[in-house]
Amino acid sequence: MAAIRPPYVKVICPTAESMSVTLNAGFVMPSWFDLISLDPNGPEDRAGIEKATNFVHGLIEEELKNGIEASRIAVGGFSQGGGLAIHAALQYPKSLAGIIGLSCWLPLHKDFPKEAKGNLTTRLFQAHGSADPVVPFHWGAETSALLKQFMENSEFKTYPGLSHSSGEQEMEDVKKFLQEVLPDN
């Protein structure tokens, strides 16, 4: 993040706690919530997703207490963290500066747009590698199609050949997005 972070921007990169993950045969690994199924219409860990969303909201509230305006806060993440960032932003009532979701999907997607509480006009930068074997590209594309139905400033970029990782061009695009939504005042 240091290479793409504007010098006037504070970055908070929390790490998920370790937990037993159903899709990982119950083995313990860092995870924001349990992953139960690879089927987009399968069961989801609603309680875990809501707990993780509340954690993100707590981080935002901490920055507000420190004098940072919500309009100067962007949330983002990669993979499960990217989906969590999008979900948390849509469940947050105050307008944020921007949302970044890389190689991700929207948890509890069936709840939206009905359950959205805010940030429908906030800029969203969503990106996905076309060769992602972990979070299939079509999940990202389907998430984008859903979000574009009710988020007017949603952008989706595809990176041909990129696996479940971040590429140089993608990081440059994230840097540009951050500079646009969080300009130096």
Foldseek 3Di string as FASTA:
>chain_A
DVVQDDPVDDDDDDWADWFQEVVVVRDTDRDQAHDNDPDPPDDGRVVSLVVSLVVVVVVLVVVVVVVDDQLQDEAADAENRRLSQVQSQQQDQDAHLEGEHELYAHPPLVCPPVNGRDHLAHAYEYEYECAEPPSHPVRSVVRQVSSVVRRVRYDYYYDYPDYRDDDPVNSNVVSVSSCVSNPDD
